N, C-alpha and C. Protein backbone atom coordinates (compact mmCIF):
# COMPACT_ATOMS: atom_id res chain seq x y z
N UNK A 1 -18.14 -6.65 18.57
CA UNK A 1 -18.19 -5.20 18.50
C UNK A 1 -16.83 -4.60 18.83
N UNK A 2 -16.16 -5.09 19.88
CA UNK A 2 -14.88 -4.50 20.28
C UNK A 2 -13.81 -4.75 19.23
N UNK A 3 -13.80 -5.92 18.59
CA UNK A 3 -12.82 -6.20 17.53
C UNK A 3 -12.99 -5.23 16.37
N UNK A 4 -14.21 -4.98 16.02
CA UNK A 4 -14.49 -4.05 14.92
C UNK A 4 -14.02 -2.64 15.28
N UNK A 5 -14.27 -2.23 16.51
CA UNK A 5 -13.86 -0.91 16.96
C UNK A 5 -12.33 -0.78 16.94
N UNK A 6 -11.64 -1.80 17.38
CA UNK A 6 -10.17 -1.79 17.37
C UNK A 6 -9.66 -1.68 15.94
N UNK A 7 -10.25 -2.42 15.01
CA UNK A 7 -9.84 -2.33 13.60
C UNK A 7 -10.05 -0.93 13.06
N UNK A 8 -11.18 -0.31 13.40
CA UNK A 8 -11.46 1.06 12.94
C UNK A 8 -10.42 2.02 13.50
N UNK A 9 -10.10 1.88 14.78
CA UNK A 9 -9.10 2.76 15.39
C UNK A 9 -7.72 2.57 14.76
N UNK A 10 -7.33 1.32 14.52
CA UNK A 10 -6.03 1.06 13.90
C UNK A 10 -5.98 1.60 12.48
N UNK A 11 -7.08 1.45 11.75
CA UNK A 11 -7.15 1.98 10.40
C UNK A 11 -7.06 3.51 10.42
N UNK A 12 -7.74 4.14 11.35
CA UNK A 12 -7.70 5.59 11.47
C UNK A 12 -6.29 6.06 11.80
N UNK A 13 -5.64 5.37 12.71
CA UNK A 13 -4.27 5.72 13.08
C UNK A 13 -3.33 5.58 11.89
N UNK A 14 -3.45 4.47 11.17
CA UNK A 14 -2.53 4.24 10.06
C UNK A 14 -2.77 5.20 8.91
N UNK A 15 -4.00 5.65 8.72
CA UNK A 15 -4.26 6.57 7.62
C UNK A 15 -4.07 8.02 8.01
N UNK A 16 -3.99 8.32 9.27
CA UNK A 16 -3.90 9.72 9.70
C UNK A 16 -2.50 10.17 10.05
N UNK A 17 -1.69 9.32 10.63
CA UNK A 17 -0.45 9.77 11.22
C UNK A 17 0.81 9.27 10.52
N UNK A 18 0.70 8.38 9.60
CA UNK A 18 1.88 7.86 8.91
C UNK A 18 2.02 8.51 7.55
N UNK A 19 3.24 8.59 7.05
CA UNK A 19 3.49 9.11 5.72
C UNK A 19 2.90 8.16 4.68
N UNK A 20 2.75 8.62 3.47
CA UNK A 20 2.08 7.83 2.44
C UNK A 20 2.86 6.57 2.03
N UNK A 21 4.17 6.67 1.87
CA UNK A 21 4.95 5.52 1.40
C UNK A 21 4.81 4.31 2.33
N UNK A 22 4.98 4.46 3.64
CA UNK A 22 4.80 3.29 4.50
C UNK A 22 3.38 2.74 4.48
N UNK A 23 2.41 3.61 4.29
CA UNK A 23 1.02 3.16 4.24
C UNK A 23 0.77 2.34 2.99
N UNK A 24 1.31 2.79 1.86
CA UNK A 24 1.14 2.02 0.60
C UNK A 24 1.88 0.69 0.70
N UNK A 25 3.09 0.73 1.22
CA UNK A 25 3.87 -0.51 1.36
C UNK A 25 3.14 -1.51 2.25
N UNK A 26 2.58 -1.03 3.36
CA UNK A 26 1.83 -1.90 4.26
C UNK A 26 0.60 -2.48 3.59
N UNK A 27 -0.10 -1.64 2.83
CA UNK A 27 -1.29 -2.11 2.11
C UNK A 27 -0.93 -3.20 1.12
N UNK A 28 0.15 -3.01 0.39
CA UNK A 28 0.57 -4.01 -0.59
C UNK A 28 0.95 -5.32 0.09
N UNK A 29 1.67 -5.23 1.19
CA UNK A 29 2.06 -6.45 1.91
C UNK A 29 0.83 -7.16 2.49
N UNK A 30 -0.12 -6.38 2.95
CA UNK A 30 -1.35 -6.95 3.53
C UNK A 30 -2.19 -7.66 2.49
N UNK A 31 -2.27 -7.08 1.29
CA UNK A 31 -3.13 -7.63 0.24
C UNK A 31 -2.44 -8.64 -0.67
N UNK A 32 -1.14 -8.79 -0.53
CA UNK A 32 -0.39 -9.66 -1.44
C UNK A 32 -0.70 -11.13 -1.21
N UNK A 33 -0.82 -11.84 -2.32
CA UNK A 33 -0.92 -13.29 -2.31
C UNK A 33 0.09 -13.79 -3.33
N UNK A 34 1.04 -14.57 -2.85
CA UNK A 34 2.12 -15.06 -3.72
C UNK A 34 2.86 -13.92 -4.40
N UNK A 35 3.18 -12.88 -3.63
CA UNK A 35 3.92 -11.72 -4.12
C UNK A 35 3.23 -11.00 -5.28
N UNK A 36 1.91 -11.02 -5.27
CA UNK A 36 1.14 -10.32 -6.28
C UNK A 36 -0.13 -9.74 -5.66
N UNK A 37 -0.42 -8.49 -5.99
CA UNK A 37 -1.66 -7.85 -5.56
C UNK A 37 -2.48 -7.66 -6.84
N UNK A 38 -3.59 -8.36 -6.92
CA UNK A 38 -4.42 -8.31 -8.12
C UNK A 38 -5.71 -7.54 -7.87
N UNK A 39 -6.25 -6.99 -8.95
CA UNK A 39 -7.55 -6.32 -8.94
C UNK A 39 -7.62 -5.18 -7.94
N UNK A 40 -6.58 -4.36 -7.88
CA UNK A 40 -6.57 -3.19 -7.01
C UNK A 40 -6.04 -2.02 -7.84
N UNK A 41 -6.92 -1.07 -8.13
CA UNK A 41 -6.53 0.07 -8.95
C UNK A 41 -5.92 1.17 -8.08
N UNK A 42 -5.27 2.11 -8.75
CA UNK A 42 -4.72 3.26 -8.03
C UNK A 42 -5.84 4.02 -7.33
N UNK A 43 -6.98 4.15 -7.99
CA UNK A 43 -8.11 4.88 -7.41
C UNK A 43 -8.63 4.17 -6.16
N UNK A 44 -8.72 2.85 -6.20
CA UNK A 44 -9.19 2.10 -5.03
C UNK A 44 -8.21 2.24 -3.87
N UNK A 45 -6.91 2.22 -4.18
CA UNK A 45 -5.91 2.42 -3.14
C UNK A 45 -6.04 3.81 -2.54
N UNK A 46 -6.23 4.80 -3.39
CA UNK A 46 -6.37 6.18 -2.91
C UNK A 46 -7.60 6.33 -2.00
N UNK A 47 -8.70 5.72 -2.39
CA UNK A 47 -9.89 5.80 -1.55
C UNK A 47 -9.67 5.11 -0.22
N UNK A 48 -9.02 3.97 -0.21
CA UNK A 48 -8.77 3.24 1.02
C UNK A 48 -7.84 4.03 1.95
N UNK A 49 -6.83 4.67 1.36
CA UNK A 49 -5.85 5.42 2.14
C UNK A 49 -6.26 6.87 2.38
N UNK A 50 -7.36 7.28 1.77
CA UNK A 50 -7.90 8.64 1.91
C UNK A 50 -6.92 9.70 1.42
N UNK A 51 -6.41 9.47 0.21
CA UNK A 51 -5.50 10.41 -0.44
C UNK A 51 -5.93 10.54 -1.91
N UNK A 52 -5.26 11.43 -2.65
CA UNK A 52 -5.54 11.58 -4.07
C UNK A 52 -4.90 10.45 -4.87
N UNK A 53 -5.56 10.05 -5.96
CA UNK A 53 -5.03 9.01 -6.84
C UNK A 53 -3.65 9.40 -7.37
N UNK A 54 -3.49 10.65 -7.68
CA UNK A 54 -2.21 11.15 -8.19
C UNK A 54 -1.08 10.88 -7.19
N UNK A 55 -1.35 11.02 -5.92
CA UNK A 55 -0.35 10.76 -4.87
C UNK A 55 0.01 9.28 -4.82
N UNK A 56 -0.98 8.41 -4.98
CA UNK A 56 -0.73 6.96 -4.99
C UNK A 56 0.12 6.60 -6.20
N UNK A 57 -0.21 7.14 -7.35
CA UNK A 57 0.54 6.86 -8.57
C UNK A 57 2.00 7.28 -8.42
N UNK A 58 2.23 8.45 -7.84
CA UNK A 58 3.60 8.93 -7.64
C UNK A 58 4.36 8.03 -6.66
N UNK A 59 3.72 7.65 -5.59
CA UNK A 59 4.38 6.78 -4.59
C UNK A 59 4.68 5.40 -5.18
N UNK A 60 3.77 4.86 -5.96
CA UNK A 60 4.02 3.57 -6.59
C UNK A 60 5.19 3.68 -7.57
N UNK A 61 5.30 4.81 -8.23
CA UNK A 61 6.44 5.04 -9.12
C UNK A 61 7.75 5.05 -8.36
N UNK A 62 7.73 5.59 -7.15
CA UNK A 62 8.94 5.62 -6.32
C UNK A 62 9.32 4.21 -5.86
N UNK A 63 8.35 3.32 -5.77
CA UNK A 63 8.63 1.92 -5.43
C UNK A 63 9.04 1.12 -6.67
N UNK A 64 8.52 1.51 -7.83
CA UNK A 64 8.82 0.80 -9.07
C UNK A 64 10.23 1.12 -9.57
N UNK A 65 10.64 2.36 -9.51
CA UNK A 65 11.93 2.77 -10.09
C UNK A 65 13.11 1.99 -9.53
N UNK A 66 13.21 1.76 -8.23
CA UNK A 66 14.35 0.97 -7.74
C UNK A 66 14.12 -0.54 -7.81
N UNK A 67 13.02 -0.98 -8.41
CA UNK A 67 12.79 -2.41 -8.59
C UNK A 67 12.18 -3.12 -7.40
N UNK A 68 11.49 -2.37 -6.54
CA UNK A 68 10.83 -2.99 -5.39
C UNK A 68 9.52 -3.65 -5.80
N UNK A 69 8.79 -3.00 -6.70
CA UNK A 69 7.54 -3.55 -7.22
C UNK A 69 7.53 -3.44 -8.74
N UNK A 70 6.67 -4.22 -9.36
CA UNK A 70 6.41 -4.13 -10.79
C UNK A 70 4.94 -3.81 -10.98
N UNK A 71 4.64 -2.93 -11.90
CA UNK A 71 3.26 -2.50 -12.12
C UNK A 71 2.73 -3.03 -13.44
N UNK A 72 1.49 -3.49 -13.41
CA UNK A 72 0.78 -3.92 -14.60
C UNK A 72 -0.67 -3.50 -14.46
N UNK A 73 -1.46 -3.84 -15.42
CA UNK A 73 -2.88 -3.46 -15.37
C UNK A 73 -3.57 -4.25 -14.26
N UNK A 74 -4.00 -3.53 -13.22
CA UNK A 74 -4.69 -4.11 -12.06
C UNK A 74 -3.88 -5.22 -11.40
N UNK A 75 -2.54 -5.13 -11.52
CA UNK A 75 -1.67 -6.11 -10.87
C UNK A 75 -0.37 -5.41 -10.44
N UNK A 76 -0.03 -5.65 -9.20
CA UNK A 76 1.24 -5.14 -8.67
C UNK A 76 2.01 -6.35 -8.18
N UNK A 77 3.21 -6.53 -8.71
CA UNK A 77 4.05 -7.65 -8.28
C UNK A 77 5.10 -7.14 -7.30
N UNK A 78 5.30 -7.87 -6.24
CA UNK A 78 6.34 -7.54 -5.28
C UNK A 78 7.61 -8.24 -5.74
N UNK A 79 8.60 -7.44 -6.13
CA UNK A 79 9.85 -7.97 -6.65
C UNK A 79 10.91 -8.10 -5.57
N UNK A 80 10.82 -7.25 -4.55
CA UNK A 80 11.79 -7.29 -3.46
C UNK A 80 11.03 -7.09 -2.14
N UNK A 81 10.58 -8.20 -1.57
CA UNK A 81 9.75 -8.15 -0.35
C UNK A 81 10.50 -7.51 0.81
N UNK A 82 11.78 -7.81 0.95
CA UNK A 82 12.56 -7.27 2.07
C UNK A 82 12.56 -5.73 2.04
N UNK A 83 12.81 -5.15 0.88
CA UNK A 83 12.83 -3.69 0.77
C UNK A 83 11.44 -3.09 0.95
N UNK A 84 10.40 -3.80 0.50
CA UNK A 84 9.04 -3.31 0.70
C UNK A 84 8.67 -3.34 2.19
N UNK A 85 9.09 -4.38 2.88
CA UNK A 85 8.85 -4.44 4.32
C UNK A 85 9.58 -3.31 5.04
N UNK A 86 10.78 -3.02 4.60
CA UNK A 86 11.53 -1.91 5.19
C UNK A 86 10.83 -0.59 4.92
N UNK A 87 10.30 -0.42 3.71
CA UNK A 87 9.57 0.81 3.38
C UNK A 87 8.31 0.96 4.23
N UNK A 88 7.71 -0.15 4.60
CA UNK A 88 6.48 -0.09 5.41
C UNK A 88 6.75 0.37 6.84
N UNK A 89 8.00 0.27 7.28
CA UNK A 89 8.35 0.67 8.65
C UNK A 89 8.92 2.08 8.73
N UNK A 90 9.22 2.69 7.61
CA UNK A 90 9.85 4.03 7.63
C UNK A 90 8.86 5.13 7.86
């Protein structure tokens, strides 16, 4: 019970008090397997982060333009893990 409560509190903190870009970067790093996040849509990310899908799409574009991530249909590739990790801390 206490582990579950701690996870809920940490999730609430991360979704309430941090800017969107670090939250998306953290989510991608958390879900990545072999530098790829599969089967995760913009809408699912928005629901998880409690934001609008349009906001997720814009933030992902900001990560794609400098070559940090690559976007495909239901697949996000991490092209520069170091920069994505840095974005997760900002």
